[in-house]
Amino acid sequence: MAKTIVIFEQDQDVKDIMEYVLKDSGYEVAITNSNVSDINISKCKPDLVPLVSNSPLISWTFKVFGIYHGSDLIGLTEQMAALLIIIGQFKPQTGIVGASIATAMFFITSTLLISTPSTLTINHIGSFNYLSLLGLFLFKDIISLGASINLVGKFGEKANSAFQNRK
């Protein structure tokens, strides 16, 4: 049984892209030109709903906080990690915290490749094979996971060096 996603969007190009990505992932899509501001799904990123809903690790955020506040919580976590990483250039202990948050966040979002239907589907165009668009969208999180793990190590070295210099 397919899940239906409702898209509230004025821009036709955005509608076409979202419809293609969601249908490629096995969802039925209903598109409306109505600008209904009191429906929560219109206020959050449409690509976040099917991803988070299928995740056993973070689907609780939408159940507990609702779609609007749940997506805000995810976005706030990303912004907090980025801010702590920037501050980490001057205070490495803070950078370790920020990079650790980013590592946890990117680990969780990397698991969406497994939990979301059709993300690992191989599409064929001529003689080329590639992941579905949703799979490619999530693949960047694997690269970001590696980068954030590297940042934890770099900030750790910097903090250790600063600690050694104090002695």
C-alpha atoms as a PDB file:
ATOM      1  CA  MET A   1       0.000   0.000   0.000  1.00  0.00           C
ATOM      2  CA  ALA A   2       1.553   3.281  -1.114  1.00  0.00           C
ATOM      3  CA  LYS A   3       1.658   6.326   1.131  1.00  0.00           C
ATOM      4  CA  THR A   4       0.279   9.565  -0.263  1.00  0.00           C
ATOM      5  CA  ILE A   5       2.201  12.808   0.022  1.00  0.00           C
ATOM      6  CA  VAL A   6       0.439  16.154  -0.484  1.00  0.00           C
ATOM      7  CA  ILE A   7       2.549  18.953  -1.966  1.00  0.00           C
ATOM      8  CA  PHE A   8       1.575  22.601  -1.494  1.00  0.00           C
ATOM      9  CA  GLU A   9       3.744  24.578  -3.885  1.00  0.00           C
ATOM     10  CA  GLN A  10       3.303  27.491  -6.283  1.00  0.00           C
ATOM     11  CA  ASP A  11       6.450  27.016  -8.398  1.00  0.00           C
ATOM     12  CA  GLN A  12       5.801  24.485 -11.187  1.00  0.00           C
ATOM     13  CA  ASP A  13       9.488  23.475 -11.496  1.00  0.00           C
ATOM     14  CA  VAL A  14       9.676  22.674  -7.780  1.00  0.00           C
ATOM     15  CA  LYS A  15       6.434  20.676  -8.039  1.00  0.00           C
ATOM     16  CA  ASP A  16       7.762  18.654 -10.975  1.00  0.00           C
ATOM     17  CA  ILE A  17      11.035  17.808  -9.214  1.00  0.00           C
ATOM     18  CA  MET A  18       9.358  16.872  -5.920  1.00  0.00           C
ATOM     19  CA  GLU A  19       6.780  14.748  -7.712  1.00  0.00           C
ATOM     20  CA  TYR A  20       9.491  12.911  -9.665  1.00  0.00           C
ATOM     21  CA  VAL A  21      11.613  12.210  -6.556  1.00  0.00           C
ATOM     22  CA  LEU A  22       8.661  11.065  -4.450  1.00  0.00           C
ATOM     23  CA  LYS A  23       7.150   8.866  -7.179  1.00  0.00           C
ATOM     24  CA  ASP A  24      10.599   7.380  -7.790  1.00  0.00           C
ATOM     25  CA  SER A  25      10.566   6.442  -4.093  1.00  0.00           C
ATOM     26  CA  GLY A  26       7.217   4.663  -4.325  1.00  0.00           C
ATOM     27  CA  TYR A  27       4.900   7.361  -3.002  1.00  0.00           C
ATOM     28  CA  GLU A  28       1.643   8.570  -4.462  1.00  0.00           C
ATOM     29  CA  VAL A  29       1.739  12.337  -4.909  1.00  0.00           C
ATOM     30  CA  ALA A  30      -1.139  14.810  -4.731  1.00  0.00           C
ATOM     31  CA  ILE A  31      -0.284  18.350  -5.813  1.00  0.00           C
ATOM     32  CA  THR A  32      -2.341  21.431  -5.086  1.00  0.00           C
ATOM     33  CA  ASN A  33      -1.920  25.124  -5.857  1.00  0.00           C
ATOM     34  CA  SER A  34      -3.746  26.010  -2.667  1.00  0.00           C
ATOM     35  CA  ASN A  35      -1.759  27.974  -0.143  1.00  0.00           C
ATOM     36  CA  VAL A  36      -3.116  26.387   3.019  1.00  0.00           C
ATOM     37  CA  SER A  37      -0.950  27.721   5.825  1.00  0.00           C
ATOM     38  CA  ASP A  38      -2.645  25.843   8.648  1.00  0.00           C
ATOM     39  CA  ILE A  39      -1.652  22.383   7.380  1.00  0.00           C
ATOM     40  CA  ASN A  40       1.682  21.396   8.925  1.00  0.00           C
ATOM     41  CA  ILE A  41       2.980  19.448   5.939  1.00  0.00           C
ATOM     42  CA  SER A  42       3.077  22.637   3.863  1.00  0.00           C
ATOM     43  CA  LYS A  43       5.497  24.227   6.331  1.00  0.00           C
ATOM     44  CA  CYS A  44       8.239  21.592   6.314  1.00  0.00           C
ATOM     45  CA  LYS A  45      10.554  20.313   3.646  1.00  0.00           C
ATOM     46  CA  PRO A  46       8.546  17.838   1.553  1.00  0.00           C
ATOM     47  CA  ASP A  47      11.575  15.603   1.074  1.00  0.00           C
ATOM     48  CA  LEU A  48      11.959  15.251   4.839  1.00  0.00           C
ATOM     49  CA  VAL A  49       8.546  13.669   5.453  1.00  0.00           C
ATOM     50  CA  PRO A  50       9.054  10.322   3.657  1.00  0.00           C
ATOM     51  CA  LEU A  51      12.634  10.061   4.883  1.00  0.00           C
ATOM     52  CA  VAL A  52      11.931  10.673   8.553  1.00  0.00           C
ATOM     53  CA  SER A  53       8.681   8.681   8.526  1.00  0.00           C
ATOM     54  CA  ASN A  54      10.513   5.530   7.400  1.00  0.00           C
ATOM     55  CA  SER A  55      13.389   5.829   9.852  1.00  0.00           C
ATOM     56  CA  PRO A  56      13.274   3.684  12.987  1.00  0.00           C
ATOM     57  CA  LEU A  57      15.836   6.030  14.601  1.00  0.00           C
ATOM     58  CA  ILE A  58      14.203   9.445  14.129  1.00  0.00           C
ATOM     59  CA  SER A  59      10.561   8.845  13.155  1.00  0.00           C
ATOM     60  CA  TRP A  60       9.651   9.534  16.789  1.00  0.00           C
ATOM     61  CA  THR A  61      10.455  13.237  16.279  1.00  0.00           C
ATOM     62  CA  PHE A  62       7.428  13.701  14.008  1.00  0.00           C
ATOM     63  CA  LYS A  63       5.241  11.611  16.327  1.00  0.00           C
ATOM     64  CA  VAL A  64       6.236  13.543  19.458  1.00  0.00           C
ATOM     65  CA  PHE A  65       6.673  17.083  18.079  1.00  0.00           C
ATOM     66  CA  GLY A  66       4.608  16.949  14.883  1.00  0.00           C
ATOM     67  CA  ILE A  67       5.924  17.492  11.370  1.00  0.00           C
ATOM     68  CA  TYR A  68       6.490  21.238  11.705  1.00  0.00           C
ATOM     69  CA  HIS A  69       8.283  21.245  15.068  1.00  0.00           C
ATOM     70  CA  GLY A  70      10.048  17.952  14.335  1.00  0.00           C
ATOM     71  CA  SER A  71      11.622  19.390  11.189  1.00  0.00           C
ATOM     72  CA  ASP A  72      12.537  22.521  13.170  1.00  0.00           C
ATOM     73  CA  LEU A  73      14.279  20.329  15.750  1.00  0.00           C
ATOM     74  CA  ILE A  74      16.296  18.563  13.055  1.00  0.00           C
ATOM     75  CA  GLY A  75      17.264  21.900  11.470  1.00  0.00           C
ATOM     76  CA  LEU A  76      18.176  23.426  14.830  1.00  0.00           C
ATOM     77  CA  THR A  77      20.444  20.453  15.579  1.00  0.00           C
ATOM     78  CA  GLU A  78      22.238  20.940  12.239  1.00  0.00           C
ATOM     79  CA  GLN A  79      22.704  24.659  12.877  1.00  0.00           C
ATOM     80  CA  MET A  80      23.940  24.086  16.429  1.00  0.00           C
ATOM     81  CA  ALA A  81      26.515  21.533  15.227  1.00  0.00           C
ATOM     82  CA  ALA A  82      27.728  23.942  12.532  1.00  0.00           C
ATOM     83  CA  LEU A  83      28.051  26.811  15.031  1.00  0.00           C
ATOM     84  CA  LEU A  84      29.991  24.636  17.491  1.00  0.00           C
ATOM     85  CA  ILE A  85      32.323  23.478  14.699  1.00  0.00           C
ATOM     86  CA  ILE A  86      33.032  27.105  13.762  1.00  0.00           C
ATOM     87  CA  ILE A  87      33.712  28.011  17.400  1.00  0.00           C
ATOM     88  CA  GLY A  88      35.944  24.919  17.536  1.00  0.00           C
ATOM     89  CA  GLN A  89      38.501  26.712  15.400  1.00  0.00           C
ATOM     90  CA  PHE A  90      39.239  28.825  18.480  1.00  0.00           C
ATOM     91  CA  LYS A  91      38.136  26.452  21.281  1.00  0.00           C
ATOM     92  CA  PRO A  92      38.866  22.859  20.210  1.00  0.00           C
ATOM     93  CA  GLN A  93      36.831  21.274  23.019  1.00  0.00           C
ATOM     94  CA  THR A  94      33.736  23.007  21.635  1.00  0.00           C
ATOM     95  CA  GLY A  95      34.656  21.750  18.170  1.00  0.00           C
ATOM     96  CA  ILE A  96      34.787  18.182  19.486  1.00  0.00           C
ATOM     97  CA  VAL A  97      31.216  18.561  20.784  1.00  0.00           C
ATOM     98  CA  GLY A  98      29.994  20.062  17.490  1.00  0.00           C
ATOM     99  CA  ALA A  99      31.751  17.450  15.349  1.00  0.00           C
ATOM    100  CA  SER A 100      30.390  14.684  17.599  1.00  0.00           C
ATOM    101  CA  ILE A 101      26.846  16.013  17.128  1.00  0.00           C
ATOM    102  CA  ALA A 102      27.453  16.135  13.360  1.00  0.00           C
ATOM    103  CA  THR A 103      28.831  12.574  13.427  1.00  0.00           C
ATOM    104  CA  ALA A 104      25.722  11.279  15.217  1.00  0.00           C
ATOM    105  CA  MET A 105      23.454  13.267  12.909  1.00  0.00           C
ATOM    106  CA  PHE A 106      25.131  12.044   9.710  1.00  0.00           C
ATOM    107  CA  PHE A 107      25.231   8.457  10.998  1.00  0.00           C
ATOM    108  CA  ILE A 108      21.473   8.577  11.565  1.00  0.00           C
ATOM    109  CA  THR A 109      20.770  10.159   8.177  1.00  0.00           C
ATOM    110  CA  SER A 110      23.059   7.625   6.475  1.00  0.00           C
ATOM    111  CA  THR A 111      20.834   4.849   7.814  1.00  0.00           C
ATOM    112  CA  LEU A 112      17.973   6.395   5.811  1.00  0.00           C
ATOM    113  CA  LEU A 113      19.569   4.814   2.731  1.00  0.00           C
ATOM    114  CA  ILE A 114      18.567   1.451   4.171  1.00  0.00           C
ATOM    115  CA  SER A 115      15.228   2.331   5.794  1.00  0.00           C
ATOM    116  CA  THR A 116      13.669   4.414   2.987  1.00  0.00           C
ATOM    117  CA  PRO A 117      12.113   2.418   0.123  1.00  0.00           C
ATOM    118  CA  SER A 118      13.675   2.714  -3.346  1.00  0.00           C
ATOM    119  CA  THR A 119      16.791   4.646  -2.290  1.00  0.00           C
ATOM    120  CA  LEU A 120      19.150   1.845  -3.282  1.00  0.00           C
ATOM    121  CA  THR A 121      17.344   1.164  -6.544  1.00  0.00           C
ATOM    122  CA  ILE A 122      19.734   1.121  -9.478  1.00  0.00           C
ATOM    123  CA  ASN A 123      18.393   3.096 -12.422  1.00  0.00           C
ATOM    124  CA  HIS A 124      19.676   2.454 -15.931  1.00  0.00           C
ATOM    125  CA  ILE A 125      20.134   5.100 -18.584  1.00  0.00           C
ATOM    126  CA  GLY A 126      21.818   3.653 -21.625  1.00  0.00           C
ATOM    127  CA  SER A 127      24.931   1.911 -20.343  1.00  0.00           C
ATOM    128  CA  PHE A 128      25.095   3.964 -17.110  1.00  0.00           C
ATOM    129  CA  ASN A 129      23.853   2.773 -13.727  1.00  0.00           C
ATOM    130  CA  TYR A 130      23.099   5.182 -10.890  1.00  0.00           C
ATOM    131  CA  LEU A 131      21.193   5.345  -7.603  1.00  0.00           C
ATOM    132  CA  SER A 132      17.713   6.811  -7.495  1.00  0.00           C
ATOM    133  CA  LEU A 133      17.598  10.577  -6.965  1.00  0.00           C
ATOM    134  CA  LEU A 134      16.634  10.063  -3.339  1.00  0.00           C
ATOM    135  CA  GLY A 135      19.556   7.658  -2.895  1.00  0.00           C
ATOM    136  CA  LEU A 136      21.940  10.195  -4.410  1.00  0.00           C
ATOM    137  CA  PHE A 137      20.473  12.868  -2.126  1.00  0.00           C
ATOM    138  CA  LEU A 138      21.260  10.688   0.916  1.00  0.00           C
ATOM    139  CA  PHE A 139      24.672   9.530  -0.342  1.00  0.00           C
ATOM    140  CA  LYS A 140      26.150  12.925   0.521  1.00  0.00           C
ATOM    141  CA  ASP A 141      25.550  12.106   4.191  1.00  0.00           C
ATOM    142  CA  ILE A 142      28.013   9.211   4.017  1.00  0.00           C
ATOM    143  CA  ILE A 143      30.681  11.641   2.816  1.00  0.00           C
ATOM    144  CA  SER A 144      29.685  14.141   5.515  1.00  0.00           C
ATOM    145  CA  LEU A 145      29.886  11.357   8.118  1.00  0.00           C
ATOM    146  CA  GLY A 146      33.516  10.736   7.167  1.00  0.00           C
ATOM    147  CA  ALA A 147      34.279  14.455   7.283  1.00  0.00           C
ATOM    148  CA  SER A 148      32.707  14.879  10.725  1.00  0.00           C
ATOM    149  CA  ILE A 149      34.622  11.870  12.110  1.00  0.00           C
ATOM    150  CA  ASN A 150      37.791  13.468  10.730  1.00  0.00           C
ATOM    151  CA  LEU A 151      36.876  16.755  12.450  1.00  0.00           C
ATOM    152  CA  VAL A 152      36.475  14.993  15.809  1.00  0.00           C
ATOM    153  CA  GLY A 153      40.033  13.691  15.400  1.00  0.00           C
ATOM    154  CA  LYS A 154      41.457  17.049  14.295  1.00  0.00           C
ATOM    155  CA  PHE A 155      39.801  18.943  17.148  1.00  0.00           C
ATOM    156  CA  GLY A 156      40.958  16.218  19.544  1.00  0.00           C
ATOM    157  CA  GLU A 157      44.566  16.634  18.394  1.00  0.00           C
ATOM    158  CA  LYS A 158      44.288  20.411  18.699  1.00  0.00           C
ATOM    159  CA  ALA A 159      42.781  20.152  22.206  1.00  0.00           C
ATOM    160  CA  ASN A 160      45.434  17.655  23.290  1.00  0.00           C
ATOM    161  CA  SER A 161      48.201  19.888  21.936  1.00  0.00           C
ATOM    162  CA  ALA A 162      46.771  22.914  23.795  1.00  0.00           C
ATOM    163  CA  PHE A 163      46.536  20.840  26.984  1.00  0.00           C
ATOM    164  CA  GLN A 164      50.153  19.665  26.623  1.00  0.00           C
ATOM    165  CA  ASN A 165      51.346  23.248  26.114  1.00  0.00           C
ATOM    166  CA  ARG A 166      49.690  24.342  29.397  1.00  0.00           C
ATOM    167  CA  LYS A 167      51.829  21.946  31.438  1.00  0.00           C
END
